[in-house]
Amino acid sequence: MQAVTTSLDRDILSPDLLLTVLSTVQDPLLLVDRKGRVEAFSDAAADFLTVPLGAIHGQSIGKIAGSNSLPLHNAVASVVISGRPLTIELCNQNRWFNIVVRPITKEAGLVSGAVIHAKRMTGPLRETGPAEGSDSLWRILNQLPYAIYWKDRQSRYLGGNRIFAEVVGLRSSRAVPGITDHDIMAPADAEAVRREDERIMRTGENLVTIEQPLRLAAGGTILEKFKMPLRSESGEIMGILCIARDVTEQKRVEEGLLADKLAAEQANRAKTSFLAAASHDLRQPIQAVALFAKLLDNRVVEPSSRNLVRLIQQSVLSLANLLEAVIHLSKLDAGVVEPSIGPMPLGDLLRRLGGEFAPQATEKGLDLIVVETGIEVYSDPLLLERILRNLISNAIRYTDRGRVLIGCRRHGATVTVEIWDTGIGIPPDQFGEIFREFHRSHSKTHRAIEGFGIGLAVVDRLTTLLGHRIGVSSTPGKGTVFRVEEVPVAGTSEQTAEQLR
């Protein structure tokens, strides 16, 4: 124990009394002046400061307390200015101390210095790190699926939970206090983390890092972090608190899934390109079979054999239709279909389609009605015809009685083409499904074989390609209406025409 008689001593108490007081104190105790210079101290203070007894007197507390120098200096300055006591917690050589800094005031109320009293905290939370399973707080921290750690203002680790110790390759959380970033990660990463810490302590703002690759001593790791300033009871920033999650395995899985997705997309593009390029070669065998079936039909006279030939012809026709739909769908997916948009008389197209489908409607006992129109629209005649042909064909296929109505409505600068039927209808929960490939409507009277489930998928892609929209509304058991919407009206203005091209 040492005591030094100074002006501070005389202001406070007599040298003999000061000596007596300090000799009875077992904890680290220091008396400092307004500038933080040590004027008197107990013997235990030397152990707390980790400096020789002879190197303490007259020195600034901001220079002789190691990594705790700045927090202690700031605490003294705060107490001298405010005149109010301040309590902080600091770690020194893996030992935690509760430090109370109290002002020394004269009779006039002037603060002439401060008393620093450091009390060692011997609980499992503060002794040398967490005693596994022995403290409720540490049990909670160690069960969380996050790495949690906290640092002082010099970016030295003051503590961390079990997950953090595992992430950085330490034996246990007991080994965390006292380490620095340079002890656990590559120099460049350590400097980047230090700059993060300095920015947080300077601005007082939180920092969220979505994905940060770190080259740790334990191996490469990707962390998702939430950092915030660690504040004292008075609100002073004393360091950094961080909650982090190791997302290395998650990123590895995501990258694997992405690679699989890209490979699947590449395979799909290759398949689509093949179908689009090989369409002629695929058609030839079917055309040949159709020709042979026609020749056979001309030669066979026995009724049962002729029925068999007609079944062959129907099957070949169905196969040809399916192949055409698949090839067209593949061409759309491959991006090789380029629309040729221009003005076209919509009425002529509707009348022609009505005439072509009239025999099918009559055969089923349906009324096929086409509402006349003289309007011209901007679209691709061939592609718009394919859209309407698919919709009219479906309307007749799924209508057993009643009628099919084809017409259009004008809405300002656009036209909506509508196909109404009184057929089986579509449940509302299937509206999103019917435009998917190979989705087919089922009912007691309409077997799945009647359609291939490709037509509406083609319709959906063609309307998108043309810049139109497809709409549908339906009541099961009463009928359905399909709409080709936002078809531009031709001749509104030269500017409109140019934009639509």
Protein backbone atom coordinates (compact mmCIF):
# COMPACT_ATOMS: atom_id res chain seq x y z
CA MET A 1 0.00 0.00 0.00
CA GLN A 2 1.19 3.46 -0.86
CA ALA A 3 -0.15 6.93 -0.23
CA VAL A 4 1.26 10.18 -1.46
CA THR A 5 0.68 13.55 0.20
CA THR A 6 -0.49 16.00 -2.43
CA SER A 7 -2.70 19.00 -2.74
CA LEU A 8 -5.49 16.53 -3.47
CA ASP A 9 -4.76 14.72 -0.19
CA ARG A 10 -4.92 17.91 1.81
CA ASP A 11 -8.16 18.86 0.12
CA ILE A 12 -9.73 15.56 1.11
CA LEU A 13 -8.19 14.31 4.36
CA SER A 14 -4.89 14.16 6.26
CA PRO A 15 -2.06 11.98 4.94
CA ASP A 16 -2.14 9.73 8.02
CA LEU A 17 -5.85 9.17 7.73
CA LEU A 18 -5.53 8.51 4.00
CA LEU A 19 -2.80 5.96 4.71
CA THR A 20 -4.99 4.24 7.29
CA VAL A 21 -7.96 4.08 4.95
CA LEU A 22 -6.00 2.62 2.06
CA SER A 23 -4.31 0.02 4.28
CA THR A 24 -7.68 -1.46 5.16
CA VAL A 25 -8.92 -1.76 1.59
CA GLN A 26 -8.52 -5.20 0.01
CA ASP A 27 -9.95 -4.21 -3.37
CA PRO A 28 -8.23 -2.14 -6.05
CA LEU A 29 -8.78 1.52 -5.09
CA LEU A 30 -7.37 4.61 -6.78
CA LEU A 31 -7.70 8.33 -6.15
CA VAL A 32 -7.24 10.50 -9.23
CA ASP A 33 -7.35 14.22 -9.84
CA ARG A 34 -9.58 16.02 -12.35
CA LYS A 35 -7.28 15.02 -15.22
CA GLY A 36 -7.26 11.36 -14.24
CA ARG A 37 -3.73 11.34 -12.78
CA VAL A 38 -3.26 8.82 -9.96
CA GLU A 39 -2.58 10.50 -6.59
CA ALA A 40 -3.07 7.55 -4.24
CA PHE A 41 -3.86 3.85 -4.51
CA SER A 42 -4.07 0.58 -2.61
CA ASP A 43 -1.65 -2.30 -3.15
CA ALA A 44 -4.37 -4.29 -4.94
CA ALA A 45 -4.53 -1.56 -7.58
CA ALA A 46 -1.20 -2.70 -8.97
CA ASP A 47 -2.57 -6.18 -9.59
CA PHE A 48 -5.65 -4.70 -11.23
CA LEU A 49 -3.60 -2.44 -13.48
CA THR A 50 -0.95 -5.14 -14.14
CA VAL A 51 1.87 -2.60 -13.69
CA PRO A 52 4.56 -2.32 -10.96
CA LEU A 53 3.73 -0.27 -7.85
CA GLY A 54 6.42 2.26 -8.68
CA ALA A 55 4.92 2.95 -12.10
CA ILE A 56 1.50 4.09 -10.92
CA HIS A 57 1.77 7.39 -9.04
CA GLY A 58 1.36 10.46 -11.20
CA GLN A 59 0.41 8.50 -14.28
CA SER A 60 -2.81 9.03 -16.17
CA ILE A 61 -5.35 6.28 -15.68
CA GLY A 62 -5.86 6.50 -19.42
CA LYS A 63 -2.35 5.12 -20.03
CA ILE A 64 -1.68 2.44 -17.41
CA ALA A 65 -4.79 0.25 -17.50
CA GLY A 66 -4.04 -1.60 -20.72
CA SER A 67 -7.07 -2.17 -22.92
CA ASN A 68 -9.23 -0.71 -20.15
CA SER A 69 -7.37 2.62 -20.15
CA LEU A 70 -9.80 4.41 -22.44
CA PRO A 71 -12.99 3.19 -20.70
CA LEU A 72 -11.58 4.20 -17.29
CA HIS A 73 -10.39 7.58 -18.57
CA ASN A 74 -13.81 8.24 -20.13
CA ALA A 75 -15.57 7.18 -16.94
CA VAL A 76 -13.46 9.56 -14.81
CA ALA A 77 -14.04 12.42 -17.26
CA SER A 78 -17.79 11.78 -17.18
CA VAL A 79 -17.89 11.77 -13.37
CA VAL A 80 -15.77 14.95 -13.07
CA ILE A 81 -18.05 16.80 -15.49
CA SER A 82 -21.40 15.52 -14.21
CA GLY A 83 -20.58 15.19 -10.52
CA ARG A 84 -22.53 11.93 -10.47
CA PRO A 85 -21.16 8.41 -9.76
CA LEU A 86 -20.83 5.93 -12.60
CA THR A 87 -20.72 2.12 -12.60
CA ILE A 88 -19.11 0.09 -15.38
CA GLU A 89 -17.97 -3.50 -15.89
CA LEU A 90 -14.58 -4.32 -17.37
CA CYS A 91 -12.58 -7.47 -18.05
CA ASN A 92 -8.89 -7.62 -17.12
CA GLN A 93 -6.89 -10.77 -17.88
CA ASN A 94 -10.04 -12.91 -18.07
CA ARG A 95 -11.25 -11.46 -14.74
CA TRP A 96 -14.33 -9.31 -14.55
CA PHE A 97 -14.59 -6.27 -12.28
CA ASN A 98 -17.50 -4.11 -11.23
CA ILE A 99 -16.06 -0.60 -11.13
CA VAL A 100 -17.66 2.32 -9.33
CA VAL A 101 -16.28 5.80 -10.03
CA ARG A 102 -17.39 8.43 -7.48
CA PRO A 103 -16.68 12.18 -7.52
CA ILE A 104 -14.55 13.88 -4.82
CA THR A 105 -16.08 17.25 -4.03
CA LYS A 106 -14.96 20.20 -1.92
CA GLU A 107 -17.24 22.16 0.35
CA ALA A 108 -18.07 24.55 -2.46
CA GLY A 109 -19.27 21.61 -4.54
CA LEU A 110 -16.31 21.71 -6.91
CA VAL A 111 -15.27 18.27 -8.12
CA SER A 112 -11.56 17.93 -7.47
CA GLY A 113 -11.10 14.33 -8.53
CA ALA A 114 -12.55 10.85 -8.35
CA VAL A 115 -12.31 7.58 -6.46
CA ILE A 116 -12.09 4.41 -8.55
CA HIS A 117 -13.18 1.27 -6.69
CA ALA A 118 -12.85 -2.05 -8.55
CA LYS A 119 -14.69 -5.07 -7.13
CA ARG A 120 -13.91 -8.45 -8.61
CA MET A 121 -16.99 -10.36 -9.80
CA THR A 122 -16.64 -14.04 -8.94
CA GLY A 123 -19.93 -15.42 -10.29
CA PRO A 124 -19.87 -17.95 -13.12
CA LEU A 125 -20.82 -15.27 -15.61
CA ARG A 126 -17.80 -13.06 -14.82
CA GLU A 127 -15.04 -15.19 -13.35
CA THR A 128 -13.17 -16.64 -16.32
CA GLY A 129 -15.98 -17.13 -18.74
CA PRO A 130 -19.19 -19.13 -18.50
CA ALA A 131 -19.30 -22.19 -16.31
CA GLU A 132 -21.22 -24.52 -18.64
CA GLY A 133 -24.70 -25.28 -17.32
CA SER A 134 -24.16 -23.60 -13.95
CA ASP A 135 -25.71 -20.23 -14.61
CA SER A 136 -29.20 -19.66 -15.96
CA LEU A 137 -28.17 -16.76 -18.18
CA TRP A 138 -25.34 -18.71 -19.71
CA ARG A 139 -27.58 -21.72 -20.21
CA ILE A 140 -29.90 -19.49 -22.22
CA LEU A 141 -27.07 -17.94 -24.24
CA ASN A 142 -25.53 -21.33 -24.97
CA GLN A 143 -28.82 -22.83 -26.13
CA LEU A 144 -29.54 -20.09 -28.64
CA PRO A 145 -28.75 -21.08 -32.25
CA TYR A 146 -26.73 -17.88 -32.69
CA ALA A 147 -23.17 -16.82 -32.05
CA ILE A 148 -23.21 -14.00 -29.49
CA TYR A 149 -20.18 -11.99 -28.42
CA TRP A 150 -19.24 -8.60 -27.04
CA LYS A 151 -16.09 -6.47 -27.25
CA ASP A 152 -14.54 -3.43 -25.61
CA ARG A 153 -13.69 -0.21 -27.41
CA GLN A 154 -10.36 -1.64 -28.56
CA SER A 155 -12.21 -4.49 -30.32
CA ARG A 156 -10.92 -6.98 -27.77
CA TYR A 157 -13.37 -9.76 -27.00
CA LEU A 158 -14.83 -9.59 -23.51
CA GLY A 159 -16.98 -12.70 -23.83
CA GLY A 160 -18.96 -14.98 -26.10
CA ASN A 161 -21.27 -17.97 -25.95
CA ARG A 162 -20.60 -21.60 -26.87
CA ILE A 163 -21.78 -21.26 -30.50
CA PHE A 164 -19.40 -18.36 -31.07
CA ALA A 165 -16.50 -20.34 -29.60
CA GLU A 166 -17.30 -23.24 -31.94
CA VAL A 167 -17.56 -21.00 -35.00
CA VAL A 168 -14.13 -19.42 -34.42
CA GLY A 169 -12.48 -22.72 -33.40
CA LEU A 170 -11.95 -22.16 -29.67
CA ARG A 171 -12.08 -24.94 -27.07
CA SER A 172 -14.92 -23.33 -25.13
CA SER A 173 -16.43 -19.98 -24.29
CA ARG A 174 -13.91 -19.69 -21.45
CA ALA A 175 -11.22 -19.00 -24.05
CA VAL A 176 -13.04 -16.01 -25.58
CA PRO A 177 -12.18 -13.13 -23.16
CA GLY A 178 -8.98 -11.36 -24.14
CA ILE A 179 -8.69 -12.55 -27.75
CA THR A 180 -8.72 -10.19 -30.74
CA ASP A 181 -9.91 -10.60 -34.31
CA HIS A 182 -6.31 -11.12 -35.42
CA ASP A 183 -6.22 -14.24 -33.22
CA ILE A 184 -9.11 -15.93 -35.03
CA MET A 185 -9.24 -14.66 -38.61
CA ALA A 186 -7.15 -13.55 -41.56
CA PRO A 187 -5.49 -10.10 -41.22
CA ALA A 188 -7.55 -8.49 -43.99
CA ASP A 189 -10.80 -9.76 -42.49
CA ALA A 190 -9.71 -8.65 -39.02
CA GLU A 191 -9.09 -5.12 -40.30
CA ALA A 192 -12.47 -5.06 -42.04
CA VAL A 193 -14.20 -6.11 -38.81
CA ARG A 194 -12.24 -3.49 -36.86
CA ARG A 195 -13.43 -0.78 -39.25
CA GLU A 196 -16.99 -2.01 -38.73
CA ASP A 197 -16.59 -1.77 -34.97
CA GLU A 198 -15.11 1.72 -35.16
CA ARG A 199 -17.95 2.95 -37.36
CA ILE A 200 -20.57 1.58 -34.96
CA MET A 201 -18.87 3.12 -31.91
CA ARG A 202 -18.40 6.42 -33.74
CA THR A 203 -21.96 6.72 -35.06
CA GLY A 204 -23.88 4.76 -32.45
CA GLU A 205 -25.82 3.08 -35.26
CA ASN A 206 -26.65 -0.59 -35.66
CA LEU A 207 -25.17 -2.61 -38.52
CA VAL A 208 -26.79 -5.52 -40.33
CA THR A 209 -24.59 -7.68 -42.56
CA ILE A 210 -26.56 -10.16 -44.66
CA GLU A 211 -23.65 -12.34 -45.77
CA GLN A 212 -20.03 -11.77 -44.78
CA PRO A 213 -17.40 -14.34 -45.80
CA LEU A 214 -14.67 -14.64 -43.16
CA ARG A 215 -11.42 -16.60 -43.33
CA LEU A 216 -11.28 -17.90 -39.78
CA ALA A 217 -8.56 -20.00 -38.23
CA ALA A 218 -11.17 -22.78 -37.98
CA GLY A 219 -11.96 -22.54 -41.72
CA GLY A 220 -13.95 -20.40 -44.13
CA THR A 221 -17.27 -19.22 -42.75
CA ILE A 222 -20.12 -17.03 -43.96
CA LEU A 223 -21.82 -15.04 -41.21
CA GLU A 224 -25.09 -13.16 -41.07
CA LYS A 225 -24.55 -10.49 -38.40
CA PHE A 226 -26.42 -7.89 -36.39
CA LYS A 227 -24.09 -5.51 -34.55
CA MET A 228 -24.97 -2.76 -32.12
CA PRO A 229 -23.19 -0.44 -29.69
CA LEU A 230 -22.67 -1.84 -26.17
CA ARG A 231 -23.68 0.92 -23.79
CA SER A 232 -23.22 1.54 -20.07
CA GLU A 233 -26.08 2.42 -17.75
CA SER A 234 -25.43 6.09 -18.48
CA GLY A 235 -25.70 5.47 -22.22
CA GLU A 236 -21.99 5.76 -22.94
CA ILE A 237 -20.73 3.44 -25.70
CA MET A 238 -18.37 0.95 -24.08
CA GLY A 239 -17.90 -1.47 -26.96
CA ILE A 240 -19.73 -3.74 -29.40
CA LEU A 241 -22.42 -6.42 -29.04
CA CYS A 242 -23.01 -8.80 -31.94
CA ILE A 243 -25.49 -11.56 -32.71
CA ALA A 244 -24.39 -13.69 -35.66
CA ARG A 245 -25.58 -16.78 -37.50
CA ASP A 246 -23.37 -19.18 -39.43
CA VAL A 247 -25.00 -19.51 -42.85
CA THR A 248 -22.14 -21.41 -44.51
CA GLU A 249 -24.06 -24.67 -44.90
CA GLN A 250 -27.20 -22.82 -45.97
CA LYS A 251 -25.24 -21.02 -48.71
CA ARG A 252 -23.70 -24.31 -49.81
CA VAL A 253 -27.16 -25.87 -50.14
CA GLU A 254 -28.51 -22.79 -51.95
CA GLU A 255 -25.60 -22.83 -54.40
CA GLY A 256 -26.18 -26.54 -55.00
CA LEU A 257 -29.87 -25.95 -55.66
CA LEU A 258 -29.03 -23.05 -57.97
CA ALA A 259 -26.59 -25.23 -59.90
CA ASP A 260 -29.25 -27.95 -60.22
CA LYS A 261 -31.79 -25.36 -61.37
CA LEU A 262 -29.42 -23.97 -63.99
CA ALA A 263 -28.62 -27.48 -65.21
CA ALA A 264 -32.33 -28.30 -65.48
CA GLU A 265 -33.00 -25.07 -67.35
CA GLN A 266 -30.12 -25.81 -69.72
CA ALA A 267 -31.48 -29.30 -70.35
CA ASN A 268 -34.95 -27.88 -70.95
CA ARG A 269 -33.55 -25.31 -73.39
CA ALA A 270 -31.67 -28.06 -75.21
CA LYS A 271 -34.85 -30.15 -75.47
CA THR A 272 -36.86 -27.15 -76.63
CA SER A 273 -34.25 -26.18 -79.23
CA PHE A 274 -34.13 -29.75 -80.50
CA LEU A 275 -37.90 -29.95 -80.95
CA ALA A 276 -38.00 -26.56 -82.63
CA ALA A 277 -35.15 -27.43 -85.01
CA ALA A 278 -36.22 -31.01 -85.76
CA SER A 279 -39.89 -30.29 -86.44
CA HIS A 280 -39.63 -31.25 -90.12
CA ASP A 281 -37.93 -34.58 -89.38
CA LEU A 282 -40.52 -35.39 -86.72
CA ARG A 283 -43.45 -34.65 -89.03
CA GLN A 284 -42.26 -36.84 -91.90
CA PRO A 285 -42.92 -40.29 -90.33
CA ILE A 286 -46.42 -39.26 -89.22
CA GLN A 287 -47.21 -37.85 -92.65
CA ALA A 288 -46.02 -41.10 -94.20
CA VAL A 289 -48.24 -43.18 -91.89
CA ALA A 290 -51.21 -40.94 -92.75
CA LEU A 291 -50.53 -41.45 -96.46
CA PHE A 292 -50.30 -45.24 -96.07
CA ALA A 293 -53.55 -45.25 -94.08
CA LYS A 294 -55.24 -43.28 -96.88
CA LEU A 295 -54.01 -45.76 -99.51
CA LEU A 296 -55.19 -48.64 -97.35
CA ASP A 297 -58.61 -47.03 -96.98
CA ASN A 298 -58.96 -46.89 -100.77
CA ARG A 299 -58.20 -50.62 -101.15
CA VAL A 300 -60.06 -52.17 -98.24
CA VAL A 301 -63.72 -52.97 -98.92
CA GLU A 302 -64.67 -55.33 -96.06
CA PRO A 303 -66.70 -53.23 -93.51
CA SER A 304 -64.93 -54.39 -90.33
CA SER A 305 -61.53 -53.78 -91.91
CA ARG A 306 -62.59 -50.32 -93.09
CA ASN A 307 -63.62 -49.43 -89.52
CA LEU A 308 -60.18 -50.53 -88.35
CA VAL A 309 -58.53 -48.35 -91.00
CA ARG A 310 -60.60 -45.35 -89.90
CA LEU A 311 -59.50 -45.91 -86.28
CA ILE A 312 -55.91 -45.90 -87.52
CA GLN A 313 -56.54 -42.65 -89.39
CA GLN A 314 -58.10 -41.03 -86.31
CA SER A 315 -55.15 -42.09 -84.17
CA VAL A 316 -52.67 -40.74 -86.71
CA LEU A 317 -54.60 -37.46 -86.86
CA SER A 318 -54.57 -37.19 -83.06
CA LEU A 319 -50.84 -37.90 -82.98
CA ALA A 320 -50.22 -35.31 -85.69
CA ASN A 321 -52.23 -32.70 -83.78
CA LEU A 322 -50.36 -33.48 -80.58
CA LEU A 323 -47.00 -33.22 -82.34
CA GLU A 324 -47.97 -29.90 -83.93
CA ALA A 325 -48.98 -28.51 -80.53
CA VAL A 326 -45.75 -29.69 -78.86
CA ILE A 327 -43.60 -28.31 -81.67
CA HIS A 328 -45.39 -24.97 -81.58
CA LEU A 329 -45.05 -24.79 -77.81
CA SER A 330 -41.34 -25.61 -78.09
CA LYS A 331 -40.82 -22.91 -80.68
CA LEU A 332 -42.48 -20.39 -78.38
CA ASP A 333 -40.29 -21.46 -75.45
CA ALA A 334 -37.18 -21.34 -77.65
CA GLY A 335 -37.99 -17.78 -78.70
CA VAL A 336 -37.91 -18.54 -82.42
CA VAL A 337 -41.46 -17.33 -83.08
CA GLU A 338 -41.40 -13.67 -84.10
CA PRO A 339 -44.77 -11.92 -84.49
CA SER A 340 -45.49 -9.86 -87.58
CA ILE A 341 -47.86 -7.24 -86.23
CA GLY A 342 -49.91 -5.06 -88.51
CA PRO A 343 -53.47 -3.86 -89.17
CA MET A 344 -55.95 -6.64 -89.88
CA PRO A 345 -59.76 -6.84 -90.27
CA LEU A 346 -60.98 -8.70 -87.20
CA GLY A 347 -64.42 -9.39 -88.69
CA ASP A 348 -62.99 -11.38 -91.62
CA LEU A 349 -61.05 -13.65 -89.25
CA LEU A 350 -64.06 -14.28 -87.01
CA ARG A 351 -66.35 -15.09 -89.99
CA ARG A 352 -63.83 -17.51 -91.49
CA LEU A 353 -63.32 -19.33 -88.20
CA GLY A 354 -67.08 -19.51 -87.72
CA GLY A 355 -67.45 -21.13 -91.13
CA GLU A 356 -64.71 -23.68 -90.46
CA PHE A 357 -66.11 -24.77 -87.08
CA ALA A 358 -69.78 -24.73 -88.15
CA PRO A 359 -69.81 -28.42 -89.24
CA GLN A 360 -68.40 -29.55 -85.86
CA ALA A 361 -70.97 -27.48 -83.99
CA THR A 362 -73.82 -28.77 -86.17
CA GLU A 363 -72.69 -32.37 -85.65
CA LYS A 364 -73.05 -31.86 -81.87
CA GLY A 365 -76.36 -30.02 -82.22
CA LEU A 366 -74.91 -26.66 -81.12
CA ASP A 367 -75.67 -23.17 -82.38
CA LEU A 368 -72.47 -21.40 -83.47
CA ILE A 369 -73.04 -17.64 -83.60
CA VAL A 370 -70.55 -15.06 -84.90
CA VAL A 371 -71.31 -11.41 -84.10
CA GLU A 372 -70.35 -9.25 -87.08
CA THR A 373 -67.81 -6.44 -86.67
CA GLY A 374 -66.03 -4.08 -89.05
CA ILE A 375 -63.25 -3.09 -86.67
CA GLU A 376 -59.56 -3.39 -87.56
CA VAL A 377 -56.95 -4.30 -84.96
CA TYR A 378 -53.17 -4.41 -84.64
CA SER A 379 -51.96 -7.98 -84.20
CA ASP A 380 -50.32 -10.89 -85.99
CA PRO A 381 -53.08 -12.48 -88.15
CA LEU A 382 -51.64 -16.01 -88.02
CA LEU A 383 -50.88 -16.04 -84.30
CA LEU A 384 -54.18 -14.40 -83.33
CA GLU A 385 -55.97 -16.98 -85.49
CA ARG A 386 -54.18 -19.80 -83.67
CA ILE A 387 -55.27 -18.34 -80.32
CA LEU A 388 -58.92 -18.07 -81.36
CA ARG A 389 -58.88 -21.48 -83.07
CA ASN A 390 -57.78 -23.14 -79.83
CA LEU A 391 -60.41 -21.33 -77.80
CA ILE A 392 -63.26 -22.09 -80.23
CA SER A 393 -62.21 -25.74 -80.48
CA ASN A 394 -62.27 -26.08 -76.68
CA ALA A 395 -65.65 -24.34 -76.46
CA ILE A 396 -67.22 -26.85 -78.88
CA ARG A 397 -65.44 -29.83 -77.32
CA TYR A 398 -66.73 -29.12 -73.80
CA THR A 399 -70.28 -28.06 -74.76
CA ASP A 400 -72.95 -30.74 -75.24
CA ARG A 401 -75.98 -28.52 -75.73
CA GLY A 402 -76.77 -24.87 -76.20
CA ARG A 403 -74.51 -22.57 -78.17
CA VAL A 404 -71.08 -21.07 -78.75
CA LEU A 405 -70.90 -17.31 -79.32
CA ILE A 406 -67.95 -15.48 -80.92
CA GLY A 407 -67.75 -11.67 -80.81
CA CYS A 408 -65.82 -8.64 -79.62
CA ARG A 409 -66.20 -5.49 -77.52
CA ARG A 410 -64.36 -2.22 -77.94
CA HIS A 411 -62.90 -0.45 -74.89
CA GLY A 412 -61.44 2.86 -76.05
CA ALA A 413 -58.23 2.13 -77.95
CA THR A 414 -58.40 -1.64 -77.43
CA VAL A 415 -60.69 -4.54 -78.30
CA THR A 416 -61.58 -7.67 -76.33
CA VAL A 417 -62.41 -10.78 -78.37
CA GLU A 418 -64.76 -13.14 -76.49
CA ILE A 419 -65.74 -16.79 -76.95
CA TRP A 420 -68.80 -17.80 -74.90
CA ASP A 421 -70.14 -21.31 -74.42
CA THR A 422 -72.87 -23.06 -72.42
CA GLY A 423 -70.67 -26.03 -71.59
CA ILE A 424 -69.48 -27.79 -68.44
CA GLY A 425 -67.70 -24.77 -67.02
CA ILE A 426 -64.47 -24.55 -65.04
CA PRO A 427 -64.18 -24.43 -61.22
CA PRO A 428 -62.64 -21.11 -60.10
CA ASP A 429 -59.81 -22.88 -58.27
CA GLN A 430 -58.60 -24.27 -61.62
CA PHE A 431 -58.27 -20.93 -63.42
CA GLY A 432 -54.54 -20.84 -62.67
CA GLU A 433 -54.02 -24.47 -63.66
CA ILE A 434 -55.73 -24.63 -67.05
CA PHE A 435 -52.93 -22.69 -68.78
CA ARG A 436 -50.27 -25.18 -67.67
CA GLU A 437 -49.00 -27.79 -70.11
CA PHE A 438 -50.91 -31.09 -70.17
CA HIS A 439 -53.65 -29.92 -67.82
CA ARG A 440 -56.98 -31.34 -68.98
CA SER A 441 -60.51 -30.76 -67.76
CA HIS A 442 -62.31 -33.86 -66.52
CA SER A 443 -66.00 -34.54 -66.18
CA LYS A 444 -68.37 -37.48 -66.33
CA THR A 445 -69.20 -36.79 -69.95
CA HIS A 446 -65.79 -35.60 -71.22
CA ARG A 447 -62.90 -37.99 -70.96
CA ALA A 448 -59.34 -36.73 -70.75
CA ILE A 449 -58.52 -38.31 -74.14
CA GLU A 450 -60.54 -35.62 -75.89
CA GLY A 451 -57.77 -33.09 -75.39
CA PHE A 452 -54.03 -33.08 -74.88
CA GLY A 453 -53.89 -30.19 -72.42
CA ILE A 454 -51.52 -28.14 -74.59
CA GLY A 455 -53.87 -25.76 -76.40
CA LEU A 456 -54.36 -23.29 -73.55
CA ALA A 457 -50.63 -23.35 -72.76
CA VAL A 458 -50.03 -22.24 -76.36
CA VAL A 459 -52.76 -19.60 -76.02
CA ASP A 460 -51.16 -18.22 -72.88
CA ARG A 461 -47.72 -17.91 -74.48
CA LEU A 462 -49.05 -16.44 -77.72
CA THR A 463 -51.09 -13.73 -76.00
CA THR A 464 -48.02 -12.76 -73.97
CA LEU A 465 -45.88 -12.71 -77.12
CA LEU A 466 -48.39 -10.42 -78.87
CA GLY A 467 -48.75 -8.10 -75.89
CA HIS A 468 -52.37 -9.13 -75.33
CA ARG A 469 -53.89 -10.70 -72.23
CA ILE A 470 -55.98 -13.82 -71.73
CA GLY A 471 -58.91 -13.73 -69.31
CA VAL A 472 -61.46 -16.31 -68.21
CA SER A 473 -64.64 -16.44 -66.16
CA SER A 474 -66.84 -19.45 -65.66
CA THR A 475 -69.71 -21.00 -63.72
CA PRO A 476 -69.52 -24.80 -63.41
CA GLY A 477 -72.51 -26.39 -65.12
CA LYS A 478 -73.51 -23.18 -66.93
CA GLY A 479 -70.65 -22.20 -69.20
CA THR A 480 -67.40 -20.34 -69.75
CA VAL A 481 -66.16 -17.21 -71.47
CA PHE A 482 -62.56 -16.78 -72.62
CA ARG A 483 -61.35 -13.27 -73.47
CA VAL A 484 -58.40 -12.11 -75.54
CA GLU A 485 -57.95 -8.64 -74.04
CA GLU A 486 -55.98 -5.49 -74.88
CA VAL A 487 -55.88 -6.03 -78.63
CA PRO A 488 -55.05 -2.52 -79.99
CA VAL A 489 -57.45 -0.85 -82.40
CA ALA A 490 -55.82 -0.01 -85.74
CA GLY A 491 -55.74 3.48 -87.20
CA THR A 492 -56.15 5.46 -83.96
CA SER A 493 -53.07 7.53 -84.78
CA GLU A 494 -49.73 7.17 -86.51
CA GLN A 495 -47.97 7.53 -83.17
CA THR A 496 -49.99 4.71 -81.64
CA ALA A 497 -49.25 2.50 -84.60
CA GLU A 498 -45.53 3.12 -84.33
CA GLN A 499 -45.54 2.37 -80.60
CA LEU A 500 -47.42 -0.87 -81.14
CA ARG A 501 -44.87 -2.06 -83.65
